[in-house]
Amino acid sequence: MRPTSVLFDLDGTLIDHFKAIHRCHAHAMQQLGLPAPTMAQVRAAVGGGVELAVERLVGSQRAPAALAIYRPHWEATMLDDVQLLAGAKELLVSLRSRGNRTAVFTNKHGPSSRLTCAHLGLADLLDGNFGATDTPWLKPDPQFTRHVLTALGIDATATLLVGDSPYDFQTARNAGLGFIGVTTGTHTAAELKAEGAVRVCADLFGVARELSP
């Protein structure tokens, strides 16, 4: 059965925000006298929310101090260097033209996600945008997914999640959603398939082909 609703992760799925994320982590760590992380280290740390990413990069003891530096720098610079991934807007337009419901479902800070999507011209192509701090939960907690489904008035059995990380696959599996992985973000096809993902695409053009009528 083809999905009637499609949920998208944001970072690494619809957008490339890694330059800004890396810049803010580097700023926080250097302010604490630590060496700046590599982009690879940042990519490996993200996905489970900013608190977990910071803890992975600086350790639990330094995490509160790093977050206190990271957050205001992020607020001031988050829209610098962010860009849509190829095919993102076209896919959303196509889905909407067929009557599908679409939403962002991310562990990114919810207000940041909505501001970023508005900046990139995606807001009018979405029925919702759900992120960290909007609820007490993060992906892959099924309570977060149930909240999203209820808010949108959609059913899990007719909903697909598109994402780039094991968090996304686990979210889909935990809630009975369909799943398509993309390798435009933090994980390879082999890593996603090792988690159990069956459908993995190189990019959003591949997702569009999977979802074509």
N, C-alpha and C. Protein backbone atom coordinates (compact mmCIF):
# COMPACT_ATOMS: atom_id res chain seq x y z
N MET A 1 0.85 -1.20 0.00
CA MET A 1 0.00 0.00 0.00
C MET A 1 0.88 1.25 0.00
N ARG A 2 0.58 2.17 -0.91
CA ARG A 2 1.35 3.41 -0.94
C ARG A 2 0.95 4.29 0.23
N PRO A 3 1.92 4.98 0.83
CA PRO A 3 1.59 5.84 1.97
C PRO A 3 0.75 7.03 1.55
N THR A 4 -0.11 7.47 2.45
CA THR A 4 -0.86 8.70 2.23
C THR A 4 -0.26 9.86 3.02
N SER A 5 0.69 9.54 3.91
CA SER A 5 1.39 10.56 4.68
C SER A 5 2.87 10.21 4.72
N VAL A 6 3.73 11.24 4.58
CA VAL A 6 5.17 11.02 4.60
C VAL A 6 5.80 11.98 5.61
N LEU A 7 6.50 11.42 6.59
CA LEU A 7 7.24 12.19 7.58
C LEU A 7 8.71 12.20 7.19
N PHE A 8 9.35 13.34 7.36
CA PHE A 8 10.76 13.47 7.00
C PHE A 8 11.57 13.88 8.22
N ASP A 9 12.67 13.18 8.45
CA ASP A 9 13.72 13.74 9.29
C ASP A 9 14.21 15.02 8.61
N LEU A 10 14.95 15.86 9.34
CA LEU A 10 15.38 17.12 8.74
C LEU A 10 16.86 17.11 8.37
N ASP A 11 17.76 17.18 9.36
CA ASP A 11 19.19 17.25 9.07
C ASP A 11 19.66 15.98 8.37
N GLY A 12 20.30 16.15 7.23
CA GLY A 12 20.82 15.02 6.49
C GLY A 12 19.78 14.32 5.64
N THR A 13 18.52 14.77 5.73
CA THR A 13 17.44 14.17 4.95
C THR A 13 16.85 15.19 3.98
N LEU A 14 16.35 16.31 4.52
CA LEU A 14 15.85 17.39 3.67
C LEU A 14 16.85 18.52 3.52
N ILE A 15 17.70 18.72 4.53
CA ILE A 15 18.63 19.85 4.50
C ILE A 15 20.03 19.42 4.89
N ASP A 16 20.99 20.24 4.50
CA ASP A 16 22.38 20.11 4.96
C ASP A 16 22.66 21.28 5.89
N HIS A 17 22.73 20.98 7.18
CA HIS A 17 22.97 22.00 8.20
C HIS A 17 24.28 21.74 8.93
N PHE A 18 25.09 20.84 8.39
CA PHE A 18 26.25 20.38 9.13
C PHE A 18 27.34 21.44 9.29
N LYS A 19 27.46 22.37 8.35
CA LYS A 19 28.47 23.42 8.53
C LYS A 19 28.15 24.27 9.75
N ALA A 20 26.88 24.63 9.89
CA ALA A 20 26.47 25.46 11.04
C ALA A 20 26.60 24.67 12.34
N ILE A 21 26.19 23.41 12.33
CA ILE A 21 26.28 22.58 13.53
C ILE A 21 27.74 22.41 13.93
N HIS A 22 28.60 22.11 12.97
CA HIS A 22 30.03 21.96 13.26
C HIS A 22 30.61 23.25 13.80
N ARG A 23 30.27 24.37 13.19
CA ARG A 23 30.79 25.66 13.64
C ARG A 23 30.43 25.94 15.10
N CYS A 24 29.21 25.62 15.48
CA CYS A 24 28.78 25.91 16.85
C CYS A 24 29.42 24.98 17.86
N HIS A 25 29.58 23.71 17.50
CA HIS A 25 30.30 22.80 18.39
C HIS A 25 31.77 23.22 18.52
N ALA A 26 32.37 23.61 17.42
CA ALA A 26 33.77 24.05 17.47
C ALA A 26 33.91 25.28 18.35
N HIS A 27 33.00 26.22 18.21
CA HIS A 27 33.03 27.43 19.03
C HIS A 27 32.93 27.09 20.51
N ALA A 28 31.99 26.23 20.87
CA ALA A 28 31.81 25.88 22.28
C ALA A 28 33.04 25.16 22.83
N MET A 29 33.57 24.24 22.08
CA MET A 29 34.70 23.46 22.57
C MET A 29 35.95 24.32 22.69
N GLN A 30 36.18 25.20 21.73
CA GLN A 30 37.36 26.06 21.81
C GLN A 30 37.24 27.05 22.96
N GLN A 31 36.03 27.50 23.25
CA GLN A 31 35.83 28.40 24.39
C GLN A 31 36.16 27.69 25.71
N LEU A 32 36.03 26.38 25.72
CA LEU A 32 36.36 25.59 26.91
C LEU A 32 37.82 25.12 26.90
N GLY A 33 38.58 25.56 25.90
CA GLY A 33 39.99 25.17 25.82
C GLY A 33 40.21 23.80 25.23
N LEU A 34 39.21 23.28 24.52
CA LEU A 34 39.32 21.97 23.88
C LEU A 34 39.58 22.15 22.39
N PRO A 35 40.20 21.17 21.75
CA PRO A 35 40.39 21.27 20.31
C PRO A 35 39.06 21.17 19.58
N ALA A 36 38.96 21.88 18.47
CA ALA A 36 37.73 21.82 17.69
C ALA A 36 37.54 20.41 17.14
N PRO A 37 36.30 19.93 17.10
CA PRO A 37 36.06 18.60 16.54
C PRO A 37 36.16 18.62 15.03
N THR A 38 36.42 17.48 14.45
CA THR A 38 36.37 17.35 13.00
C THR A 38 34.90 17.26 12.57
N MET A 39 34.66 17.48 11.29
CA MET A 39 33.30 17.31 10.79
C MET A 39 32.84 15.87 10.97
N ALA A 40 33.76 14.92 10.79
CA ALA A 40 33.39 13.52 10.97
C ALA A 40 32.96 13.24 12.40
N GLN A 41 33.64 13.82 13.36
CA GLN A 41 33.25 13.63 14.76
C GLN A 41 31.87 14.21 15.04
N VAL A 42 31.59 15.36 14.47
CA VAL A 42 30.28 15.97 14.67
C VAL A 42 29.19 15.13 14.02
N ARG A 43 29.43 14.67 12.80
CA ARG A 43 28.43 13.84 12.12
C ARG A 43 28.14 12.57 12.93
N ALA A 44 29.20 12.00 13.55
CA ALA A 44 29.01 10.78 14.34
C ALA A 44 28.27 11.05 15.64
N ALA A 45 28.31 12.30 16.12
CA ALA A 45 27.71 12.62 17.42
C ALA A 45 26.24 12.97 17.34
N VAL A 46 25.79 13.46 16.19
CA VAL A 46 24.44 14.02 16.12
C VAL A 46 23.39 12.94 15.84
N GLY A 47 22.13 13.35 16.00
CA GLY A 47 21.00 12.47 15.69
C GLY A 47 20.08 12.22 16.86
N GLY A 48 20.65 12.27 18.06
CA GLY A 48 19.85 11.99 19.25
C GLY A 48 19.50 13.22 20.05
N GLY A 49 19.62 14.40 19.42
CA GLY A 49 19.36 15.65 20.13
C GLY A 49 20.66 16.33 20.51
N VAL A 50 20.61 17.66 20.67
CA VAL A 50 21.84 18.42 20.89
C VAL A 50 22.50 18.07 22.21
N GLU A 51 21.71 17.76 23.24
CA GLU A 51 22.31 17.42 24.54
C GLU A 51 23.19 16.19 24.43
N LEU A 52 22.70 15.17 23.74
CA LEU A 52 23.49 13.95 23.57
C LEU A 52 24.71 14.21 22.70
N ALA A 53 24.55 15.01 21.64
CA ALA A 53 25.69 15.31 20.77
C ALA A 53 26.80 16.01 21.54
N VAL A 54 26.43 17.00 22.35
CA VAL A 54 27.43 17.73 23.15
C VAL A 54 28.11 16.79 24.13
N GLU A 55 27.33 15.94 24.78
CA GLU A 55 27.92 15.00 25.74
C GLU A 55 28.90 14.05 25.05
N ARG A 56 28.55 13.60 23.86
CA ARG A 56 29.45 12.71 23.13
C ARG A 56 30.76 13.41 22.76
N LEU A 57 30.69 14.71 22.52
CA LEU A 57 31.88 15.43 22.07
C LEU A 57 32.75 15.91 23.23
N VAL A 58 32.16 16.30 24.35
CA VAL A 58 32.97 16.89 25.44
C VAL A 58 32.91 16.10 26.74
N GLY A 59 32.05 15.10 26.82
CA GLY A 59 31.91 14.34 28.05
C GLY A 59 30.83 14.92 28.94
N SER A 60 30.32 14.09 29.83
CA SER A 60 29.18 14.49 30.66
C SER A 60 29.52 15.63 31.62
N GLN A 61 30.74 15.68 32.13
CA GLN A 61 31.09 16.72 33.10
C GLN A 61 31.13 18.11 32.44
N ARG A 62 31.64 18.19 31.23
CA ARG A 62 31.76 19.48 30.55
C ARG A 62 30.49 19.85 29.78
N ALA A 63 29.56 18.92 29.62
CA ALA A 63 28.41 19.16 28.76
C ALA A 63 27.58 20.38 29.15
N PRO A 64 27.25 20.59 30.44
CA PRO A 64 26.45 21.78 30.77
C PRO A 64 27.12 23.09 30.37
N ALA A 65 28.43 23.20 30.59
CA ALA A 65 29.15 24.42 30.22
C ALA A 65 29.19 24.58 28.71
N ALA A 66 29.38 23.48 27.99
CA ALA A 66 29.42 23.55 26.53
C ALA A 66 28.06 23.95 25.96
N LEU A 67 26.99 23.40 26.52
CA LEU A 67 25.65 23.76 26.05
C LEU A 67 25.34 25.23 26.29
N ALA A 68 25.83 25.76 27.41
CA ALA A 68 25.59 27.17 27.72
C ALA A 68 26.28 28.10 26.71
N ILE A 69 27.35 27.62 26.09
CA ILE A 69 28.04 28.39 25.05
C ILE A 69 27.43 28.11 23.68
N TYR A 70 27.11 26.83 23.45
CA TYR A 70 26.59 26.41 22.15
C TYR A 70 25.27 27.08 21.82
N ARG A 71 24.34 27.07 22.75
CA ARG A 71 22.97 27.49 22.44
C ARG A 71 22.86 28.93 21.94
N PRO A 72 23.44 29.91 22.64
CA PRO A 72 23.30 31.28 22.11
C PRO A 72 24.03 31.48 20.79
N HIS A 73 25.15 30.77 20.60
CA HIS A 73 25.87 30.88 19.32
C HIS A 73 25.02 30.28 18.20
N TRP A 74 24.35 29.19 18.50
CA TRP A 74 23.46 28.56 17.54
C TRP A 74 22.32 29.50 17.17
N GLU A 75 21.69 30.09 18.18
CA GLU A 75 20.57 31.00 17.92
C GLU A 75 20.99 32.16 17.01
N ALA A 76 22.21 32.62 17.19
CA ALA A 76 22.69 33.77 16.42
C ALA A 76 23.13 33.41 15.00
N THR A 77 23.51 32.16 14.77
CA THR A 77 24.15 31.83 13.48
C THR A 77 23.51 30.66 12.75
N MET A 78 22.41 30.10 13.24
CA MET A 78 21.89 28.84 12.68
C MET A 78 21.51 28.93 11.21
N LEU A 79 21.14 30.11 10.73
CA LEU A 79 20.70 30.22 9.34
C LEU A 79 21.86 30.46 8.37
N ASP A 80 23.07 30.59 8.90
CA ASP A 80 24.24 30.71 8.04
C ASP A 80 24.61 29.33 7.50
N ASP A 81 24.82 29.23 6.21
CA ASP A 81 25.33 28.02 5.57
C ASP A 81 24.32 26.88 5.46
N VAL A 82 23.07 27.07 5.81
CA VAL A 82 22.10 25.99 5.67
C VAL A 82 21.58 25.96 4.25
N GLN A 83 21.36 24.77 3.71
CA GLN A 83 20.85 24.67 2.35
C GLN A 83 19.99 23.42 2.20
N LEU A 84 19.07 23.48 1.25
CA LEU A 84 18.26 22.32 0.93
C LEU A 84 19.10 21.26 0.24
N LEU A 85 18.81 20.02 0.52
CA LEU A 85 19.41 18.94 -0.24
C LEU A 85 18.71 18.83 -1.59
N ALA A 86 19.44 18.36 -2.57
CA ALA A 86 18.90 18.27 -3.93
C ALA A 86 17.63 17.43 -3.95
N GLY A 87 16.60 17.99 -4.57
CA GLY A 87 15.35 17.27 -4.74
C GLY A 87 14.37 17.42 -3.61
N ALA A 88 14.74 18.14 -2.54
CA ALA A 88 13.87 18.22 -1.36
C ALA A 88 12.56 18.94 -1.68
N LYS A 89 12.65 20.14 -2.21
CA LYS A 89 11.43 20.90 -2.46
C LYS A 89 10.60 20.23 -3.54
N GLU A 90 11.24 19.71 -4.57
CA GLU A 90 10.51 19.04 -5.65
C GLU A 90 9.73 17.84 -5.13
N LEU A 91 10.34 17.07 -4.22
CA LEU A 91 9.65 15.91 -3.67
C LEU A 91 8.44 16.32 -2.84
N LEU A 92 8.61 17.34 -2.02
CA LEU A 92 7.48 17.81 -1.21
C LEU A 92 6.35 18.34 -2.09
N VAL A 93 6.70 19.10 -3.11
CA VAL A 93 5.68 19.63 -4.03
C VAL A 93 4.93 18.48 -4.70
N SER A 94 5.66 17.46 -5.15
CA SER A 94 5.06 16.32 -5.82
C SER A 94 4.11 15.57 -4.88
N LEU A 95 4.56 15.33 -3.66
CA LEU A 95 3.71 14.62 -2.70
C LEU A 95 2.44 15.39 -2.41
N ARG A 96 2.58 16.69 -2.22
CA ARG A 96 1.42 17.52 -1.91
C ARG A 96 0.44 17.55 -3.09
N SER A 97 0.97 17.55 -4.30
CA SER A 97 0.11 17.59 -5.48
C SER A 97 -0.72 16.33 -5.60
N ARG A 98 -0.23 15.23 -5.00
CA ARG A 98 -0.97 13.96 -5.03
C ARG A 98 -1.87 13.79 -3.82
N GLY A 99 -1.93 14.82 -2.97
CA GLY A 99 -2.81 14.75 -1.82
C GLY A 99 -2.19 14.13 -0.58
N ASN A 100 -0.90 13.83 -0.62
CA ASN A 100 -0.23 13.27 0.56
C ASN A 100 -0.05 14.35 1.63
N ARG A 101 -0.11 13.94 2.87
CA ARG A 101 0.23 14.83 3.96
C ARG A 101 1.72 14.70 4.22
N THR A 102 2.37 15.80 4.57
CA THR A 102 3.82 15.81 4.78
C THR A 102 4.15 16.58 6.04
N ALA A 103 5.20 16.13 6.74
CA ALA A 103 5.62 16.82 7.96
C ALA A 103 7.08 16.52 8.24
N VAL A 104 7.71 17.42 8.97
CA VAL A 104 9.06 17.19 9.49
C VAL A 104 8.93 16.59 10.88
N PHE A 105 9.72 15.55 11.12
CA PHE A 105 9.72 14.82 12.39
C PHE A 105 11.19 14.62 12.76
N THR A 106 11.70 15.43 13.69
CA THR A 106 13.14 15.54 13.90
C THR A 106 13.50 15.60 15.38
N ASN A 107 14.73 15.25 15.68
CA ASN A 107 15.27 15.48 17.03
C ASN A 107 15.99 16.81 17.13
N LYS A 108 15.96 17.59 16.06
CA LYS A 108 16.46 18.95 16.12
C LYS A 108 15.53 19.79 16.99
N HIS A 109 16.08 20.79 17.66
CA HIS A 109 15.28 21.72 18.46
C HIS A 109 14.09 22.20 17.63
N GLY A 110 12.87 21.99 18.14
CA GLY A 110 11.67 22.29 17.36
C GLY A 110 11.60 23.71 16.82
N PRO A 111 11.80 24.74 17.67
CA PRO A 111 11.78 26.10 17.13
C PRO A 111 12.84 26.34 16.06
N SER A 112 14.02 25.74 16.21
CA SER A 112 15.06 25.87 15.19
C SER A 112 14.63 25.20 13.89
N SER A 113 13.99 24.04 14.01
CA SER A 113 13.52 23.34 12.82
C SER A 113 12.50 24.17 12.06
N ARG A 114 11.56 24.76 12.77
CA ARG A 114 10.53 25.55 12.10
C ARG A 114 11.11 26.82 11.49
N LEU A 115 12.02 27.47 12.19
CA LEU A 115 12.65 28.67 11.65
C LEU A 115 13.46 28.34 10.40
N THR A 116 14.20 27.25 10.44
CA THR A 116 15.01 26.84 9.31
C THR A 116 14.14 26.51 8.10
N CYS A 117 13.07 25.77 8.32
CA CYS A 117 12.19 25.41 7.21
C CYS A 117 11.51 26.63 6.61
N ALA A 118 11.14 27.58 7.45
CA ALA A 118 10.56 28.82 6.93
C ALA A 118 11.59 29.58 6.10
N HIS A 119 12.83 29.64 6.59
CA HIS A 119 13.91 30.33 5.89
C HIS A 119 14.16 29.72 4.51
N LEU A 120 14.02 28.40 4.41
CA LEU A 120 14.31 27.70 3.16
C LEU A 120 13.08 27.54 2.27
N GLY A 121 11.95 28.10 2.68
CA GLY A 121 10.76 28.05 1.85
C GLY A 121 10.00 26.73 1.89
N LEU A 122 10.15 25.97 2.97
CA LEU A 122 9.47 24.68 3.08
C LEU A 122 8.20 24.74 3.91
N ALA A 123 8.01 25.78 4.69
CA ALA A 123 6.93 25.80 5.68
C ALA A 123 5.56 25.56 5.04
N ASP A 124 5.31 26.15 3.89
CA ASP A 124 4.01 26.03 3.25
C ASP A 124 3.79 24.66 2.60
N LEU A 125 4.84 23.84 2.58
CA LEU A 125 4.74 22.50 2.00
C LEU A 125 4.60 21.43 3.08
N LEU A 126 4.42 21.85 4.33
CA LEU A 126 4.37 20.93 5.46
C LEU A 126 3.06 21.10 6.23
N ASP A 127 2.50 19.97 6.66
CA ASP A 127 1.32 20.00 7.53
C ASP A 127 1.72 20.11 8.99
N GLY A 128 2.98 19.90 9.30
CA GLY A 128 3.45 20.01 10.67
C GLY A 128 4.96 19.95 10.71
N ASN A 129 5.53 20.37 11.85
CA ASN A 129 6.98 20.35 12.03
C ASN A 129 7.23 20.11 13.51
N PHE A 130 7.67 18.90 13.84
CA PHE A 130 7.76 18.45 15.22
C PHE A 130 9.22 18.15 15.58
N GLY A 131 9.69 18.74 16.69
CA GLY A 131 11.08 18.54 17.07
C GLY A 131 11.29 18.47 18.56
N ALA A 132 12.56 18.47 18.94
CA ALA A 132 12.93 18.41 20.36
C ALA A 132 12.39 19.63 21.09
N THR A 133 11.99 19.41 22.32
CA THR A 133 11.39 20.36 23.25
C THR A 133 9.92 20.63 22.96
N ASP A 134 9.37 20.14 21.84
CA ASP A 134 7.94 20.27 21.59
C ASP A 134 7.15 19.31 22.48
N THR A 135 7.79 18.22 22.88
CA THR A 135 7.20 17.22 23.77
C THR A 135 8.30 16.77 24.74
N PRO A 136 7.98 15.92 25.71
CA PRO A 136 9.03 15.38 26.58
C PRO A 136 9.89 14.33 25.91
N TRP A 137 9.59 13.94 24.67
CA TRP A 137 10.21 12.77 24.05
C TRP A 137 11.10 13.14 22.87
N LEU A 138 11.95 12.19 22.51
CA LEU A 138 12.76 12.26 21.30
C LEU A 138 12.59 10.95 20.54
N LYS A 139 12.85 10.98 19.24
CA LYS A 139 12.93 9.72 18.48
C LYS A 139 14.07 8.88 19.07
N PRO A 140 13.90 7.57 19.18
CA PRO A 140 12.85 6.73 18.61
C PRO A 140 11.71 6.39 19.56
N ASP A 141 11.49 7.16 20.61
CA ASP A 141 10.42 6.88 21.57
C ASP A 141 9.07 6.85 20.84
N PRO A 142 8.34 5.73 20.93
CA PRO A 142 7.05 5.66 20.23
C PRO A 142 6.02 6.66 20.73
N GLN A 143 6.19 7.18 21.93
CA GLN A 143 5.26 8.20 22.42
C GLN A 143 5.37 9.48 21.58
N PHE A 144 6.58 9.81 21.15
CA PHE A 144 6.78 10.98 20.29
C PHE A 144 6.07 10.75 18.96
N THR A 145 6.22 9.55 18.40
CA THR A 145 5.57 9.24 17.13
C THR A 145 4.06 9.28 17.27
N ARG A 146 3.53 8.72 18.35
CA ARG A 146 2.08 8.75 18.55
C ARG A 146 1.58 10.19 18.65
N HIS A 147 2.36 11.04 19.31
CA HIS A 147 1.98 12.45 19.41
C HIS A 147 1.88 13.07 18.02
N VAL A 148 2.85 12.79 17.16
CA VAL A 148 2.87 13.35 15.80
C VAL A 148 1.68 12.83 15.00
N LEU A 149 1.45 11.53 15.05
CA LEU A 149 0.34 10.95 14.29
C LEU A 149 -1.00 11.53 14.75
N THR A 150 -1.15 11.67 16.06
CA THR A 150 -2.41 12.22 16.59
C THR A 150 -2.58 13.68 16.17
N ALA A 151 -1.51 14.46 16.27
CA ALA A 151 -1.58 15.87 15.91
C ALA A 151 -1.95 16.06 14.44
N LEU A 152 -1.47 15.16 13.59
CA LEU A 152 -1.75 15.26 12.15
C LEU A 152 -3.04 14.55 11.75
N GLY A 153 -3.57 13.72 12.65
CA GLY A 153 -4.77 12.96 12.33
C GLY A 153 -4.52 11.89 11.29
N ILE A 154 -3.38 11.21 11.39
CA ILE A 154 -3.01 10.20 10.40
C ILE A 154 -2.76 8.87 11.10
N ASP A 155 -2.74 7.80 10.29
CA ASP A 155 -2.60 6.44 10.81
C ASP A 155 -1.22 5.88 10.49
N ALA A 156 -0.66 5.17 11.46
CA ALA A 156 0.69 4.62 11.28
C ALA A 156 0.79 3.71 10.07
N THR A 157 -0.24 2.92 9.81
CA THR A 157 -0.16 1.93 8.73
C THR A 157 -0.12 2.57 7.34
N ALA A 158 -0.51 3.84 7.25
CA ALA A 158 -0.49 4.54 5.96
C ALA A 158 0.57 5.64 5.94
N THR A 159 1.55 5.55 6.85
CA THR A 159 2.55 6.60 7.00
C THR A 159 3.95 6.05 6.77
N LEU A 160 4.76 6.81 6.07
CA LEU A 160 6.15 6.47 5.78
C LEU A 160 7.05 7.50 6.43
N LEU A 161 8.18 7.04 6.96
CA LEU A 161 9.21 7.93 7.50
C LEU A 161 10.45 7.83 6.61
N VAL A 162 10.96 8.98 6.21
CA VAL A 162 12.21 9.05 5.43
C VAL A 162 13.28 9.65 6.34
N GLY A 163 14.41 8.97 6.48
CA GLY A 163 15.46 9.47 7.36
C GLY A 163 16.82 8.90 7.03
N ASP A 164 17.84 9.46 7.68
CA ASP A 164 19.22 9.12 7.34
C ASP A 164 19.96 8.36 8.42
N SER A 165 19.29 8.03 9.53
CA SER A 165 20.03 7.46 10.65
C SER A 165 19.30 6.28 11.27
N PRO A 166 20.02 5.47 12.06
CA PRO A 166 19.36 4.39 12.80
C PRO A 166 18.26 4.89 13.72
N TYR A 167 18.38 6.11 14.26
CA TYR A 167 17.29 6.67 15.08
C TYR A 167 16.00 6.68 14.27
N ASP A 168 16.09 7.05 13.00
CA ASP A 168 14.91 7.13 12.16
C ASP A 168 14.34 5.74 11.89
N PHE A 169 15.20 4.78 11.56
CA PHE A 169 14.71 3.43 11.32
C PHE A 169 14.07 2.86 12.59
N GLN A 170 14.72 3.06 13.73
CA GLN A 170 14.16 2.55 14.98
C GLN A 170 12.81 3.20 15.29
N THR A 171 12.70 4.49 14.97
CA THR A 171 11.43 5.19 15.16
C THR A 171 10.32 4.55 14.34
N ALA A 172 10.62 4.29 13.07
CA ALA A 172 9.63 3.67 12.20
C ALA A 172 9.27 2.27 12.69
N ARG A 173 10.27 1.49 13.03
CA ARG A 173 10.02 0.12 13.49
C ARG A 173 9.20 0.12 14.78
N ASN A 174 9.53 1.00 15.72
CA ASN A 174 8.84 1.02 17.01
C ASN A 174 7.37 1.39 16.90
N ALA A 175 7.02 2.14 15.83
CA ALA A 175 5.65 2.64 15.71
C ALA A 175 4.89 2.02 14.54
N GLY A 176 5.51 1.10 13.81
CA GLY A 176 4.81 0.46 12.71
C GLY A 176 4.68 1.31 11.46
N LEU A 177 5.63 2.22 11.25
CA LEU A 177 5.64 3.06 10.05
C LEU A 177 6.45 2.37 8.96
N GLY A 178 6.17 2.72 7.70
CA GLY A 178 7.08 2.35 6.63
C GLY A 178 8.35 3.18 6.74
N PHE A 179 9.40 2.74 6.07
CA PHE A 179 10.68 3.47 6.17
C PHE A 179 11.44 3.41 4.86
N ILE A 180 11.99 4.55 4.46
CA ILE A 180 12.99 4.62 3.40
C ILE A 180 14.19 5.39 3.95
N GLY A 181 15.36 4.80 3.87
CA GLY A 181 16.58 5.47 4.31
C GLY A 181 17.23 6.24 3.17
N VAL A 182 17.96 7.28 3.53
CA VAL A 182 18.77 8.02 2.57
C VAL A 182 20.19 8.13 3.11
N THR A 183 21.15 8.18 2.20
CA THR A 183 22.56 8.21 2.60
C THR A 183 23.15 9.61 2.41
N THR A 184 22.32 10.63 2.48
CA THR A 184 22.76 12.02 2.32
C THR A 184 23.16 12.65 3.64
N GLY A 185 23.08 11.89 4.74
CA GLY A 185 23.35 12.46 6.06
C GLY A 185 24.48 11.77 6.79
N THR A 186 24.15 11.03 7.84
CA THR A 186 25.16 10.55 8.77
C THR A 186 25.55 9.09 8.60
N HIS A 187 24.77 8.30 7.85
CA HIS A 187 25.03 6.86 7.81
C HIS A 187 25.00 6.33 6.38
N THR A 188 25.77 5.27 6.18
CA THR A 188 25.87 4.62 4.88
C THR A 188 24.70 3.66 4.67
N ALA A 189 24.55 3.22 3.43
CA ALA A 189 23.53 2.22 3.13
C ALA A 189 23.78 0.94 3.93
N ALA A 190 25.05 0.53 4.03
CA ALA A 190 25.36 -0.69 4.78
C ALA A 190 24.97 -0.55 6.25
N GLU A 191 25.22 0.62 6.82
CA GLU A 191 24.87 0.83 8.23
C GLU A 191 23.36 0.82 8.44
N LEU A 192 22.62 1.44 7.53
CA LEU A 192 21.17 1.44 7.66
C LEU A 192 20.59 0.04 7.44
N LYS A 193 21.15 -0.68 6.48
CA LYS A 193 20.66 -2.04 6.24
C LYS A 193 21.00 -2.97 7.39
N ALA A 194 22.14 -2.71 8.04
CA ALA A 194 22.51 -3.52 9.21
C ALA A 194 21.50 -3.35 10.34
N GLU A 195 20.87 -2.17 10.41
CA GLU A 195 19.83 -1.93 11.40
C GLU A 195 18.54 -2.68 11.06
N GLY A 196 18.38 -3.00 9.78
CA GLY A 196 17.17 -3.69 9.34
C GLY A 196 16.43 -2.99 8.24
N ALA A 197 16.92 -1.84 7.80
CA ALA A 197 16.25 -1.12 6.72
C ALA A 197 16.32 -1.92 5.42
N VAL A 198 15.21 -2.01 4.72
CA VAL A 198 15.15 -2.74 3.46
C VAL A 198 15.33 -1.80 2.27
N ARG A 199 14.68 -0.64 2.34
CA ARG A 199 14.75 0.33 1.24
C ARG A 199 15.67 1.47 1.63
N VAL A 200 16.77 1.64 0.90
CA VAL A 200 17.72 2.72 1.14
C VAL A 200 18.06 3.35 -0.20
N CYS A 201 17.98 4.68 -0.27
CA CYS A 201 18.24 5.41 -1.50
C CYS A 201 19.46 6.31 -1.33
N ALA A 202 20.13 6.59 -2.43
CA ALA A 202 21.30 7.45 -2.39
C ALA A 202 20.93 8.90 -2.12
N ASP A 203 19.72 9.29 -2.51
CA ASP A 203 19.31 10.69 -2.37
C ASP A 203 17.80 10.79 -2.47
N LEU A 204 17.28 12.01 -2.44
CA LEU A 204 15.84 12.21 -2.48
C LEU A 204 15.24 11.95 -3.86
N PHE A 205 16.06 12.01 -4.90
CA PHE A 205 15.56 11.63 -6.21
C PHE A 205 15.21 10.14 -6.22
N GLY A 206 16.01 9.34 -5.52
CA GLY A 206 15.71 7.92 -5.38
C GLY A 206 14.43 7.70 -4.59
N VAL A 207 14.23 8.48 -3.54
CA VAL A 207 12.99 8.39 -2.76
C VAL A 207 11.79 8.74 -3.66
N ALA A 208 11.93 9.78 -4.47
CA ALA A 208 10.86 10.17 -5.38
C ALA A 208 10.50 9.03 -6.32
N ARG A 209 11.51 8.32 -6.81
CA ARG A 209 11.23 7.19 -7.69
C ARG A 209 10.50 6.07 -6.94
N GLU A 210 10.90 5.84 -5.69
CA GLU A 210 10.23 4.82 -4.88
C GLU A 210 8.76 5.15 -4.67
N LEU A 211 8.46 6.44 -4.57
CA LEU A 211 7.10 6.88 -4.24
C LEU A 211 6.31 7.31 -5.46
N SER A 212 6.88 7.15 -6.64
CA SER A 212 6.17 7.59 -7.84
C SER A 212 4.94 6.72 -8.07
N PRO A 213 3.88 7.31 -8.63
CA PRO A 213 2.64 6.56 -8.86
C PRO A 213 2.85 5.38 -9.79
